[in-house]
């Protein structure tokens, strides 16, 4: 007889609830993301730059992150809408990316390299 059937009825309920939660957490699709790379004019990656995701209509803040040592960054996708990215770091001028549109069919957006001057 399987071990879980030997448990009292109340504990069996907890066991099946736990199994269900674990199953659905691993079977859920990965969330969409926005990614890119921050580069300097000389072609070197810019580490630890601030990266902001802004709404195109009113430039309101949606999400933010920092670039890694290799200049790459990842942001969660906020859903449908028009957005743009802004990158900045001390010693550089801020750079704005182009406006792009996200929709539910896209699971990611790859921004071309943003150059800081």
PDB file of N, CA and C in Angstrom:
ATOM      1  N   UNK A   1       0.853  -1.176   0.000  1.00  0.00           N
ATOM      2  CA  UNK A   1       0.000   0.000   0.000  1.00  0.00           C
ATOM      3  C   UNK A   1       0.900   1.240   0.000  1.00  0.00           C
ATOM      4  N   UNK A   2       0.613   2.243  -0.869  1.00  0.00           N
ATOM      5  CA  UNK A   2       1.435   3.455  -0.890  1.00  0.00           C
ATOM      6  C   UNK A   2       1.402   4.173   0.456  1.00  0.00           C
ATOM      7  N   UNK A   3       2.513   4.816   0.775  1.00  0.00           N
ATOM      8  CA  UNK A   3       2.665   5.480   2.064  1.00  0.00           C
ATOM      9  C   UNK A   3       1.616   6.570   2.284  1.00  0.00           C
ATOM     10  N   UNK A   4       1.292   7.343   1.230  1.00  0.00           N
ATOM     11  CA  UNK A   4       0.362   8.454   1.423  1.00  0.00           C
ATOM     12  C   UNK A   4      -1.041   7.975   1.767  1.00  0.00           C
ATOM     13  N   UNK A   5      -1.389   6.719   1.413  1.00  0.00           N
ATOM     14  CA  UNK A   5      -2.703   6.192   1.779  1.00  0.00           C
ATOM     15  C   UNK A   5      -2.756   5.751   3.235  1.00  0.00           C
ATOM     16  N   UNK A   6      -1.603   5.589   3.875  1.00  0.00           N
ATOM     17  CA  UNK A   6      -1.545   5.218   5.280  1.00  0.00           C
ATOM     18  C   UNK A   6      -1.723   6.419   6.202  1.00  0.00           C
ATOM     19  N   UNK A   7      -1.651   7.621   5.643  1.00  0.00           N
ATOM     20  CA  UNK A   7      -1.796   8.834   6.447  1.00  0.00           C
ATOM     21  C   UNK A   7      -3.251   9.009   6.849  1.00  0.00           C
ATOM     22  N   UNK A   8      -3.483   9.668   7.988  1.00  0.00           N
ATOM     23  CA  UNK A   8      -4.870   9.989   8.351  1.00  0.00           C
ATOM     24  C   UNK A   8      -5.500  10.866   7.265  1.00  0.00           C
ATOM     25  N   UNK A   9      -6.813  10.844   7.171  1.00  0.00           N
ATOM     26  CA  UNK A   9      -7.540  11.531   6.109  1.00  0.00           C
ATOM     27  C   UNK A   9      -7.194  13.020   6.033  1.00  0.00           C
ATOM     28  N   UNK A  10      -7.060  13.706   7.159  1.00  0.00           N
ATOM     29  CA  UNK A  10      -6.737  15.132   7.163  1.00  0.00           C
ATOM     30  C   UNK A  10      -5.369  15.381   6.549  1.00  0.00           C
ATOM     31  N   UNK A  11      -4.385  14.545   6.861  1.00  0.00           N
ATOM     32  CA  UNK A  11      -3.043  14.717   6.318  1.00  0.00           C
ATOM     33  C   UNK A  11      -3.003  14.380   4.832  1.00  0.00           C
ATOM     34  N   UNK A  12      -3.856  13.466   4.382  1.00  0.00           N
ATOM     35  CA  UNK A  12      -3.922  13.163   2.953  1.00  0.00           C
ATOM     36  C   UNK A  12      -4.368  14.401   2.174  1.00  0.00           C
ATOM     37  N   UNK A  13      -5.282  15.156   2.743  1.00  0.00           N
ATOM     38  CA  UNK A  13      -5.746  16.396   2.096  1.00  0.00           C
ATOM     39  C   UNK A  13      -4.611  17.386   1.931  1.00  0.00           C
ATOM     40  N   UNK A  14      -3.773  17.525   2.959  1.00  0.00           N
ATOM     41  CA  UNK A  14      -2.615  18.417   2.865  1.00  0.00           C
ATOM     42  C   UNK A  14      -1.630  17.923   1.804  1.00  0.00           C
ATOM     43  N   UNK A  15      -1.434  16.602   1.767  1.00  0.00           N
ATOM     44  CA  UNK A  15      -0.507  16.021   0.805  1.00  0.00           C
ATOM     45  C   UNK A  15      -0.970  16.312  -0.624  1.00  0.00           C
ATOM     46  N   UNK A  16      -2.232  16.069  -0.923  1.00  0.00           N
ATOM     47  CA  UNK A  16      -2.734  16.305  -2.273  1.00  0.00           C
ATOM     48  C   UNK A  16      -2.742  17.788  -2.619  1.00  0.00           C
ATOM     49  N   UNK A  17      -3.012  18.648  -1.666  1.00  0.00           N
ATOM     50  CA  UNK A  17      -2.945  20.095  -1.898  1.00  0.00           C
ATOM     51  C   UNK A  17      -1.516  20.509  -2.241  1.00  0.00           C
ATOM     52  N   UNK A  18      -0.557  19.994  -1.506  1.00  0.00           N
ATOM     53  CA  UNK A  18       0.845  20.304  -1.759  1.00  0.00           C
ATOM     54  C   UNK A  18       1.272  19.824  -3.143  1.00  0.00           C
ATOM     55  N   UNK A  19       0.893  18.598  -3.498  1.00  0.00           N
ATOM     56  CA  UNK A  19       1.238  18.055  -4.813  1.00  0.00           C
ATOM     57  C   UNK A  19       0.618  18.913  -5.921  1.00  0.00           C
ATOM     58  N   UNK A  20      -0.618  19.338  -5.747  1.00  0.00           N
ATOM     59  CA  UNK A  20      -1.292  20.168  -6.740  1.00  0.00           C
ATOM     60  C   UNK A  20      -0.582  21.507  -6.908  1.00  0.00           C
ATOM     61  N   UNK A  21      -0.215  22.138  -5.818  1.00  0.00           N
ATOM     62  CA  UNK A  21       0.479  23.430  -5.872  1.00  0.00           C
ATOM     63  C   UNK A  21       1.817  23.293  -6.582  1.00  0.00           C
ATOM     64  N   UNK A  22       2.571  22.277  -6.226  1.00  0.00           N
ATOM     65  CA  UNK A  22       3.873  22.059  -6.861  1.00  0.00           C
ATOM     66  C   UNK A  22       3.695  21.792  -8.351  1.00  0.00           C
ATOM     67  N   UNK A  23       2.724  20.967  -8.717  1.00  0.00           N
ATOM     68  CA  UNK A  23       2.493  20.649 -10.127  1.00  0.00           C
ATOM     69  C   UNK A  23       2.178  21.908 -10.923  1.00  0.00           C
ATOM     70  N   UNK A  24       1.251  22.736 -10.438  1.00  0.00           N
ATOM     71  CA  UNK A  24       0.862  23.918 -11.190  1.00  0.00           C
ATOM     72  C   UNK A  24       1.941  24.995 -11.197  1.00  0.00           C
ATOM     73  N   UNK A  25       2.767  25.057 -10.179  1.00  0.00           N
ATOM     74  CA  UNK A  25       3.829  26.063 -10.182  1.00  0.00           C
ATOM     75  C   UNK A  25       4.888  25.736 -11.228  1.00  0.00           C
ATOM     76  N   UNK A  26       5.141  24.452 -11.483  1.00  0.00           N
ATOM     77  CA  UNK A  26       6.120  24.079 -12.500  1.00  0.00           C
ATOM     78  C   UNK A  26       5.516  24.028 -13.895  1.00  0.00           C
ATOM     79  N   UNK A  27       4.220  23.849 -14.006  1.00  0.00           N
ATOM     80  CA  UNK A  27       3.606  23.752 -15.321  1.00  0.00           C
ATOM     81  C   UNK A  27       3.168  25.105 -15.868  1.00  0.00           C
ATOM     82  N   UNK A  28       3.188  26.154 -15.045  1.00  0.00           N
ATOM     83  CA  UNK A  28       2.800  27.489 -15.505  1.00  0.00           C
ATOM     84  C   UNK A  28       3.828  28.007 -16.500  1.00  0.00           C
ATOM     85  N   UNK A  29       3.387  28.710 -17.543  1.00  0.00           N
ATOM     86  CA  UNK A  29       4.337  29.226 -18.514  1.00  0.00           C
ATOM     87  C   UNK A  29       5.224  30.296 -17.888  1.00  0.00           C
ATOM     88  N   UNK A  30       6.431  30.410 -18.406  1.00  0.00           N
ATOM     89  CA  UNK A  30       7.333  31.440 -17.921  1.00  0.00           C
ATOM     90  C   UNK A  30       6.776  32.799 -18.278  1.00  0.00           C
ATOM     91  N   UNK A  31       6.931  33.759 -17.404  1.00  0.00           N
ATOM     92  CA  UNK A  31       6.400  35.090 -17.681  1.00  0.00           C
ATOM     93  C   UNK A  31       7.250  35.775 -18.738  1.00  0.00           C
ATOM     94  N   UNK A  32       6.615  36.682 -19.444  1.00  0.00           N
ATOM     95  CA  UNK A  32       7.299  37.413 -20.504  1.00  0.00           C
ATOM     96  C   UNK A  32       8.341  38.340 -19.902  1.00  0.00           C
ATOM     97  N   UNK A  33       9.318  38.703 -20.713  1.00  0.00           N
ATOM     98  CA  UNK A  33      10.350  39.608 -20.216  1.00  0.00           C
ATOM     99  C   UNK A  33      10.843  40.527 -21.314  1.00  0.00           C
ATOM    100  N   UNK A  34      11.428  41.613 -20.885  1.00  0.00           N
ATOM    101  CA  UNK A  34      12.077  42.583 -21.757  1.00  0.00           C
ATOM    102  C   UNK A  34      13.557  42.514 -21.421  1.00  0.00           C
ATOM    103  N   UNK A  35      14.391  42.406 -22.423  1.00  0.00           N
ATOM    104  CA  UNK A  35      15.823  42.300 -22.160  1.00  0.00           C
ATOM    105  C   UNK A  35      16.604  43.128 -23.170  1.00  0.00           C
ATOM    106  N   UNK A  36      17.854  43.394 -22.846  1.00  0.00           N
ATOM    107  CA  UNK A  36      18.721  44.153 -23.733  1.00  0.00           C
ATOM    108  C   UNK A  36      20.102  44.296 -23.129  1.00  0.00           C
ATOM    109  N   UNK A  37      20.870  45.218 -23.699  1.00  0.00           N
ATOM    110  CA  UNK A  37      22.241  45.424 -23.237  1.00  0.00           C
ATOM    111  C   UNK A  37      22.567  46.917 -23.307  1.00  0.00           C
ATOM    112  N   UNK A  38      23.277  47.398 -22.296  1.00  0.00           N
ATOM    113  CA  UNK A  38      23.709  48.797 -22.232  1.00  0.00           C
ATOM    114  C   UNK A  38      25.189  48.841 -22.599  1.00  0.00           C
ATOM    115  N   UNK A  39      25.511  49.656 -23.594  1.00  0.00           N
ATOM    116  CA  UNK A  39      26.885  49.735 -24.090  1.00  0.00           C
ATOM    117  C   UNK A  39      27.373  51.188 -24.074  1.00  0.00           C
ATOM    118  N   UNK A  40      28.682  51.361 -23.943  1.00  0.00           N
ATOM    119  CA  UNK A  40      29.306  52.681 -24.062  1.00  0.00           C
ATOM    120  C   UNK A  40      29.668  52.909 -25.535  1.00  0.00           C
ATOM    121  N   UNK A  41      29.967  54.132 -25.885  1.00  0.00           N
ATOM    122  CA  UNK A  41      30.325  54.457 -27.276  1.00  0.00           C
ATOM    123  C   UNK A  41      31.531  53.670 -27.764  1.00  0.00           C
ATOM    124  N   UNK A  42      32.442  53.330 -26.870  1.00  0.00           N
ATOM    125  CA  UNK A  42      33.645  52.601 -27.268  1.00  0.00           C
ATOM    126  C   UNK A  42      33.397  51.095 -27.420  1.00  0.00           C
ATOM    127  N   UNK A  43      32.138  50.656 -27.265  1.00  0.00           N
ATOM    128  CA  UNK A  43      31.800  49.248 -27.452  1.00  0.00           C
ATOM    129  C   UNK A  43      31.873  48.396 -26.197  1.00  0.00           C
ATOM    130  N   UNK A  44      32.288  48.995 -25.088  1.00  0.00           N
ATOM    131  CA  UNK A  44      32.373  48.257 -23.817  1.00  0.00           C
ATOM    132  C   UNK A  44      30.999  48.232 -23.143  1.00  0.00           C
ATOM    133  N   UNK A  45      30.654  47.110 -22.485  1.00  0.00           N
ATOM    134  CA  UNK A  45      29.386  47.071 -21.748  1.00  0.00           C
ATOM    135  C   UNK A  45      29.436  48.011 -20.540  1.00  0.00           C
ATOM    136  N   UNK A  46      28.288  48.573 -20.208  1.00  0.00           N
ATOM    137  CA  UNK A  46      28.186  49.468 -19.053  1.00  0.00           C
ATOM    138  C   UNK A  46      27.529  48.692 -17.917  1.00  0.00           C
ATOM    139  N   UNK A  47      28.317  48.400 -16.905  1.00  0.00           N
ATOM    140  CA  UNK A  47      27.818  47.644 -15.749  1.00  0.00           C
ATOM    141  C   UNK A  47      27.057  48.548 -14.797  1.00  0.00           C
ATOM    142  N   UNK A  48      26.043  48.006 -14.190  1.00  0.00           N
ATOM    143  CA  UNK A  48      25.284  48.653 -13.108  1.00  0.00           C
ATOM    144  C   UNK A  48      24.610  49.955 -13.528  1.00  0.00           C
ATOM    145  N   UNK A  49      24.220  50.056 -14.797  1.00  0.00           N
ATOM    146  CA  UNK A  49      23.449  51.213 -15.262  1.00  0.00           C
ATOM    147  C   UNK A  49      22.002  51.057 -14.809  1.00  0.00           C
ATOM    148  N   UNK A  50      21.343  52.162 -14.560  1.00  0.00           N
ATOM    149  CA  UNK A  50      19.923  52.140 -14.219  1.00  0.00           C
ATOM    150  C   UNK A  50      19.121  52.000 -15.506  1.00  0.00           C
ATOM    151  N   UNK A  51      18.160  51.081 -15.509  1.00  0.00           N
ATOM    152  CA  UNK A  51      17.313  50.860 -16.675  1.00  0.00           C
ATOM    153  C   UNK A  51      15.865  51.020 -16.237  1.00  0.00           C
ATOM    154  N   UNK A  52      15.150  51.937 -16.888  1.00  0.00           N
ATOM    155  CA  UNK A  52      13.749  52.195 -16.562  1.00  0.00           C
ATOM    156  C   UNK A  52      12.862  51.818 -17.735  1.00  0.00           C
ATOM    157  N   UNK A  53      11.743  51.203 -17.449  1.00  0.00           N
ATOM    158  CA  UNK A  53      10.703  50.961 -18.442  1.00  0.00           C
ATOM    159  C   UNK A  53       9.635  52.011 -18.192  1.00  0.00           C
ATOM    160  N   UNK A  54       9.366  52.825 -19.215  1.00  0.00           N
ATOM    161  CA  UNK A  54       8.426  53.934 -19.086  1.00  0.00           C
ATOM    162  C   UNK A  54       7.286  53.780 -20.084  1.00  0.00           C
ATOM    163  N   UNK A  55       6.106  54.234 -19.675  1.00  0.00           N
ATOM    164  CA  UNK A  55       4.940  54.216 -20.560  1.00  0.00           C
ATOM    165  C   UNK A  55       5.119  55.325 -21.587  1.00  0.00           C
ATOM    166  N   UNK A  56       4.924  55.007 -22.863  1.00  0.00           N
ATOM    167  CA  UNK A  56       5.166  55.973 -23.940  1.00  0.00           C
ATOM    168  C   UNK A  56       4.189  57.152 -23.891  1.00  0.00           C
ATOM    169  N   UNK A  57       2.960  56.911 -23.492  1.00  0.00           N
ATOM    170  CA  UNK A  57       1.941  57.970 -23.514  1.00  0.00           C
ATOM    171  C   UNK A  57       2.253  59.125 -22.572  1.00  0.00           C
ATOM    172  N   UNK A  58       2.756  58.810 -21.373  1.00  0.00           N
ATOM    173  CA  UNK A  58       2.944  59.868 -20.379  1.00  0.00           C
ATOM    174  C   UNK A  58       4.277  59.768 -19.632  1.00  0.00           C
ATOM    175  N   UNK A  59       5.176  58.925 -20.078  1.00  0.00           N
ATOM    176  CA  UNK A  59       6.492  58.677 -19.468  1.00  0.00           C
ATOM    177  C   UNK A  59       6.410  58.268 -17.991  1.00  0.00           C
ATOM    178  N   UNK A  60       5.292  57.674 -17.585  1.00  0.00           N
ATOM    179  CA  UNK A  60       5.177  57.218 -16.201  1.00  0.00           C
ATOM    180  C   UNK A  60       6.012  55.955 -16.007  1.00  0.00           C
ATOM    181  N   UNK A  61       6.552  55.814 -14.801  1.00  0.00           N
ATOM    182  CA  UNK A  61       7.397  54.679 -14.437  1.00  0.00           C
ATOM    183  C   UNK A  61       6.575  53.399 -14.402  1.00  0.00           C
ATOM    184  N   UNK A  62       7.102  52.327 -15.025  1.00  0.00           N
ATOM    185  CA  UNK A  62       6.439  51.032 -15.016  1.00  0.00           C
ATOM    186  C   UNK A  62       7.280  50.009 -14.257  1.00  0.00           C
ATOM    187  N   UNK A  63       8.576  49.930 -14.567  1.00  0.00           N
ATOM    188  CA  UNK A  63       9.471  48.969 -13.910  1.00  0.00           C
ATOM    189  C   UNK A  63      10.899  49.473 -14.030  1.00  0.00           C
ATOM    190  N   UNK A  64      11.783  48.928 -13.214  1.00  0.00           N
ATOM    191  CA  UNK A  64      13.178  49.335 -13.259  1.00  0.00           C
ATOM    192  C   UNK A  64      14.103  48.205 -12.871  1.00  0.00           C
ATOM    193  N   UNK A  65      15.362  48.322 -13.294  1.00  0.00           N
ATOM    194  CA  UNK A  65      16.363  47.305 -13.000  1.00  0.00           C
ATOM    195  C   UNK A  65      17.743  47.931 -13.164  1.00  0.00           C
ATOM    196  N   UNK A  66      18.768  47.144 -12.911  1.00  0.00           N
ATOM    197  CA  UNK A  66      20.156  47.545 -13.157  1.00  0.00           C
ATOM    198  C   UNK A  66      20.769  46.570 -14.137  1.00  0.00           C
ATOM    199  N   UNK A  67      21.707  47.067 -14.937  1.00  0.00           N
ATOM    200  CA  UNK A  67      22.405  46.159 -15.848  1.00  0.00           C
ATOM    201  C   UNK A  67      23.437  45.357 -15.062  1.00  0.00           C
ATOM    202  N   UNK A  68      23.712  44.154 -15.552  1.00  0.00           N
ATOM    203  CA  UNK A  68      24.708  43.276 -14.934  1.00  0.00           C
ATOM    204  C   UNK A  68      26.105  43.732 -15.367  1.00  0.00           C
ATOM    205  N   UNK A  69      27.124  43.033 -14.907  1.00  0.00           N
ATOM    206  CA  UNK A  69      28.502  43.400 -15.248  1.00  0.00           C
ATOM    207  C   UNK A  69      28.766  43.347 -16.744  1.00  0.00           C
ATOM    208  N   UNK A  70      28.030  42.481 -17.460  1.00  0.00           N
ATOM    209  CA  UNK A  70      28.215  42.394 -18.909  1.00  0.00           C
ATOM    210  C   UNK A  70      27.287  43.333 -19.673  1.00  0.00           C
ATOM    211  N   UNK A  71      26.591  44.221 -18.952  1.00  0.00           N
ATOM    212  CA  UNK A  71      25.723  45.221 -19.569  1.00  0.00           C
ATOM    213  C   UNK A  71      24.311  44.751 -19.854  1.00  0.00           C
ATOM    214  N   UNK A  72      24.019  43.470 -19.627  1.00  0.00           N
ATOM    215  CA  UNK A  72      22.680  42.956 -19.922  1.00  0.00           C
ATOM    216  C   UNK A  72      21.701  43.292 -18.798  1.00  0.00           C
ATOM    217  N   UNK A  73      20.431  43.370 -19.169  1.00  0.00           N
ATOM    218  CA  UNK A  73      19.380  43.607 -18.181  1.00  0.00           C
ATOM    219  C   UNK A  73      18.145  42.816 -18.578  1.00  0.00           C
ATOM    220  N   UNK A  74      17.276  42.571 -17.606  1.00  0.00           N
ATOM    221  CA  UNK A  74      16.015  41.865 -17.817  1.00  0.00           C
ATOM    222  C   UNK A  74      14.949  42.538 -16.961  1.00  0.00           C
ATOM    223  N   UNK A  75      13.799  42.781 -17.561  1.00  0.00           N
ATOM    224  CA  UNK A  75      12.653  43.370 -16.860  1.00  0.00           C
ATOM    225  C   UNK A  75      11.426  42.507 -17.120  1.00  0.00           C
ATOM    226  N   UNK A  76      10.525  42.390 -16.149  1.00  0.00           N
ATOM    227  CA  UNK A  76       9.282  41.654 -16.412  1.00  0.00           C
ATOM    228  C   UNK A  76       8.403  42.450 -17.371  1.00  0.00           C
ATOM    229  N   UNK A  77       7.692  41.755 -18.229  1.00  0.00           N
ATOM    230  CA  UNK A  77       6.791  42.421 -19.168  1.00  0.00           C
ATOM    231  C   UNK A  77       5.539  42.893 -18.427  1.00  0.00           C
ATOM    232  N   UNK A  78       5.162  44.150 -18.586  1.00  0.00           N
ATOM    233  CA  UNK A  78       4.005  44.673 -17.859  1.00  0.00           C
ATOM    234  C   UNK A  78       2.674  44.386 -18.539  1.00  0.00           C
ATOM    235  N   UNK A  79       2.682  43.838 -19.741  1.00  0.00           N
ATOM    236  CA  UNK A  79       1.429  43.591 -20.458  1.00  0.00           C
ATOM    237  C   UNK A  79       1.315  44.482 -21.683  1.00  0.00           C
ATOM    238  N   UNK A  80       0.137  44.498 -22.254  1.00  0.00           N
ATOM    239  CA  UNK A  80      -0.090  45.257 -23.485  1.00  0.00           C
ATOM    240  C   UNK A  80       0.161  46.742 -23.297  1.00  0.00           C
ATOM    241  N   UNK A  81       0.699  47.373 -24.344  1.00  0.00           N
ATOM    242  CA  UNK A  81       0.879  48.819 -24.303  1.00  0.00           C
ATOM    243  C   UNK A  81       2.107  49.258 -25.074  1.00  0.00           C
ATOM    244  N   UNK A  82       2.268  50.576 -25.142  1.00  0.00           N
ATOM    245  CA  UNK A  82       3.431  51.180 -25.788  1.00  0.00           C
ATOM    246  C   UNK A  82       4.391  51.662 -24.706  1.00  0.00           C
ATOM    247  N   UNK A  83       5.663  51.290 -24.851  1.00  0.00           N
ATOM    248  CA  UNK A  83       6.678  51.579 -23.837  1.00  0.00           C
ATOM    249  C   UNK A  83       7.978  52.010 -24.496  1.00  0.00           C
ATOM    250  N   UNK A  84       8.869  52.543 -23.677  1.00  0.00           N
ATOM    251  CA  UNK A  84      10.248  52.750 -24.100  1.00  0.00           C
ATOM    252  C   UNK A  84      11.159  52.594 -22.898  1.00  0.00           C
ATOM    253  N   UNK A  85      12.433  52.335 -23.183  1.00  0.00           N
ATOM    254  CA  UNK A  85      13.422  52.149 -22.131  1.00  0.00           C
ATOM    255  C   UNK A  85      14.298  53.381 -22.014  1.00  0.00           C
ATOM    256  N   UNK A  86      14.736  53.656 -20.803  1.00  0.00           N
ATOM    257  CA  UNK A  86      15.675  54.750 -20.560  1.00  0.00           C
ATOM    258  C   UNK A  86      16.805  54.194 -19.690  1.00  0.00           C
ATOM    259  N   UNK A  87      18.042  54.456 -20.115  1.00  0.00           N
ATOM    260  CA  UNK A  87      19.207  53.981 -19.367  1.00  0.00           C
ATOM    261  C   UNK A  87      20.049  55.160 -18.938  1.00  0.00           C
ATOM    262  N   UNK A  88      20.646  55.057 -17.746  1.00  0.00           N
ATOM    263  CA  UNK A  88      21.510  56.133 -17.248  1.00  0.00           C
ATOM    264  C   UNK A  88      22.529  55.551 -16.280  1.00  0.00           C
ATOM    265  N   UNK A  89      23.620  56.263 -16.157  1.00  0.00           N
ATOM    266  CA  UNK A  89      24.638  55.923 -15.174  1.00  0.00           C
ATOM    267  C   UNK A  89      25.478  57.169 -14.937  1.00  0.00           C
ATOM    268  N   UNK A  90      25.968  57.315 -13.738  1.00  0.00           N
ATOM    269  CA  UNK A  90      26.803  58.453 -13.384  1.00  0.00           C
ATOM    270  C   UNK A  90      27.996  58.534 -14.342  1.00  0.00           C
ATOM    271  N   UNK A  91      28.238  59.717 -14.885  1.00  0.00           N
ATOM    272  CA  UNK A  91      29.337  59.908 -15.827  1.00  0.00           C
ATOM    273  C   UNK A  91      28.925  59.763 -17.277  1.00  0.00           C
ATOM    274  N   UNK A  92      27.671  59.407 -17.539  1.00  0.00           N
ATOM    275  CA  UNK A  92      27.148  59.256 -18.904  1.00  0.00           C
ATOM    276  C   UNK A  92      25.871  60.082 -19.046  1.00  0.00           C
ATOM    277  N   UNK A  93      25.539  60.449 -20.281  1.00  0.00           N
ATOM    278  CA  UNK A  93      24.255  61.073 -20.557  1.00  0.00           C
ATOM    279  C   UNK A  93      23.199  59.972 -20.662  1.00  0.00           C
ATOM    280  N   UNK A  94      21.997  60.255 -20.205  1.00  0.00           N
ATOM    281  CA  UNK A  94      20.907  59.269 -20.280  1.00  0.00           C
ATOM    282  C   UNK A  94      20.573  58.987 -21.743  1.00  0.00           C
ATOM    283  N   UNK A  95      20.167  57.764 -22.027  1.00  0.00           N
ATOM    284  CA  UNK A  95      19.797  57.359 -23.387  1.00  0.00           C
ATOM    285  C   UNK A  95      18.392  56.799 -23.376  1.00  0.00           C
ATOM    286  N   UNK A  96      17.578  57.207 -24.347  1.00  0.00           N
ATOM    287  CA  UNK A  96      16.223  56.682 -24.510  1.00  0.00           C
ATOM    288  C   UNK A  96      16.184  55.709 -25.676  1.00  0.00           C
ATOM    289  N   UNK A  97      15.517  54.580 -25.475  1.00  0.00           N
ATOM    290  CA  UNK A  97      15.307  53.633 -26.564  1.00  0.00           C
ATOM    291  C   UNK A  97      14.114  54.060 -27.393  1.00  0.00           C
ATOM    292  N   UNK A  98      13.865  53.338 -28.465  1.00  0.00           N
ATOM    293  CA  UNK A  98      12.717  53.631 -29.314  1.00  0.00           C
ATOM    294  C   UNK A  98      11.440  53.095 -28.674  1.00  0.00           C
ATOM    295  N   UNK A  99      10.310  53.682 -29.035  1.00  0.00           N
ATOM    296  CA  UNK A  99       9.013  53.227 -28.530  1.00  0.00           C
ATOM    297  C   UNK A  99       8.694  51.879 -29.186  1.00  0.00           C
ATOM    298  N   UNK A 100       8.230  50.931 -28.377  1.00  0.00           N
ATOM    299  CA  UNK A 100       7.826  49.632 -28.892  1.00  0.00           C
ATOM    300  C   UNK A 100       6.489  49.242 -28.284  1.00  0.00           C
ATOM    301  N   UNK A 101       5.783  48.357 -28.968  1.00  0.00           N
ATOM    302  CA  UNK A 101       4.465  47.909 -28.533  1.00  0.00           C
ATOM    303  C   UNK A 101       4.537  46.457 -28.087  1.00  0.00           C
ATOM    304  N   UNK A 102       4.028  46.190 -26.901  1.00  0.00           N
ATOM    305  CA  UNK A 102       3.911  44.823 -26.397  1.00  0.00           C
ATOM    306  C   UNK A 102       2.466  44.378 -26.519  1.00  0.00           C
ATOM    307  N   UNK A 103       2.266  43.111 -26.898  1.00  0.00           N
ATOM    308  CA  UNK A 103       0.924  42.538 -26.899  1.00  0.00           C
ATOM    309  C   UNK A 103       1.003  41.124 -26.326  1.00  0.00           C
ATOM    310  N   UNK A 104      -0.138  40.518 -26.064  1.00  0.00           N
ATOM    311  CA  UNK A 104      -0.177  39.223 -25.392  1.00  0.00           C
ATOM    312  C   UNK A 104       0.466  38.098 -26.192  1.00  0.00           C
ATOM    313  N   UNK A 105       0.567  38.236 -27.517  1.00  0.00           N
ATOM    314  CA  UNK A 105       1.184  37.190 -28.322  1.00  0.00           C
ATOM    315  C   UNK A 105       2.701  37.151 -28.141  1.00  0.00           C
ATOM    316  N   UNK A 106       3.298  38.268 -27.760  1.00  0.00           N
ATOM    317  CA  UNK A 106       4.742  38.303 -27.561  1.00  0.00           C
ATOM    318  C   UNK A 106       5.072  37.807 -26.165  1.00  0.00           C
ATOM    319  N   UNK A 107       6.093  36.963 -26.070  1.00  0.00           N
ATOM    320  CA  UNK A 107       6.498  36.554 -24.729  1.00  0.00           C
ATOM    321  C   UNK A 107       7.792  37.229 -24.316  1.00  0.00           C
ATOM    322  N   UNK A 108       8.395  38.014 -25.239  1.00  0.00           N
ATOM    323  CA  UNK A 108       9.569  38.784 -24.841  1.00  0.00           C
ATOM    324  C   UNK A 108       9.828  39.889 -25.853  1.00  0.00           C
ATOM    325  N   UNK A 109      10.592  40.877 -25.448  1.00  0.00           N
ATOM    326  CA  UNK A 109      11.027  41.967 -26.300  1.00  0.00           C
ATOM    327  C   UNK A 109      12.509  42.136 -26.095  1.00  0.00           C
ATOM    328  N   UNK A 110      13.248  42.106 -27.181  1.00  0.00           N
ATOM    329  CA  UNK A 110      14.702  42.297 -27.113  1.00  0.00           C
ATOM    330  C   UNK A 110      15.007  43.690 -27.642  1.00  0.00           C
ATOM    331  N   UNK A 111      15.459  44.564 -26.771  1.00  0.00           N
ATOM    332  CA  UNK A 111      15.805  45.939 -27.147  1.00  0.00           C
ATOM    333  C   UNK A 111      17.171  45.943 -27.807  1.00  0.00           C
ATOM    334  N   UNK A 112      17.308  46.658 -28.932  1.00  0.00           N
ATOM    335  CA  UNK A 112      18.671  46.817 -29.477  1.00  0.00           C
ATOM    336  C   UNK A 112      19.557  47.490 -28.440  1.00  0.00           C
ATOM    337  N   UNK A 113      20.858  47.339 -28.573  1.00  0.00           N
ATOM    338  CA  UNK A 113      21.793  47.938 -27.600  1.00  0.00           C
ATOM    339  C   UNK A 113      21.487  49.409 -27.402  1.00  0.00           C
ATOM    340  N   UNK A 114      21.433  49.831 -26.138  1.00  0.00           N
ATOM    341  CA  UNK A 114      21.318  51.258 -25.820  1.00  0.00           C
ATOM    342  C   UNK A 114      22.728  51.796 -25.578  1.00  0.00           C
ATOM    343  N   UNK A 115      23.071  52.876 -26.257  1.00  0.00           N
ATOM    344  CA  UNK A 115      24.407  53.462 -26.122  1.00  0.00           C
ATOM    345  C   UNK A 115      24.384  54.634 -25.162  1.00  0.00           C
ATOM    346  N   UNK A 116      25.281  54.595 -24.183  1.00  0.00           N
ATOM    347  CA  UNK A 116      25.437  55.737 -23.274  1.00  0.00           C
ATOM    348  C   UNK A 116      26.666  56.525 -23.735  1.00  0.00           C
ATOM    349  N   UNK A 117      26.511  57.828 -23.765  1.00  0.00           N
ATOM    350  CA  UNK A 117      27.598  58.704 -24.218  1.00  0.00           C
ATOM    351  C   UNK A 117      28.184  59.465 -23.056  1.00  0.00           C
TER     352      UNK A 117
END
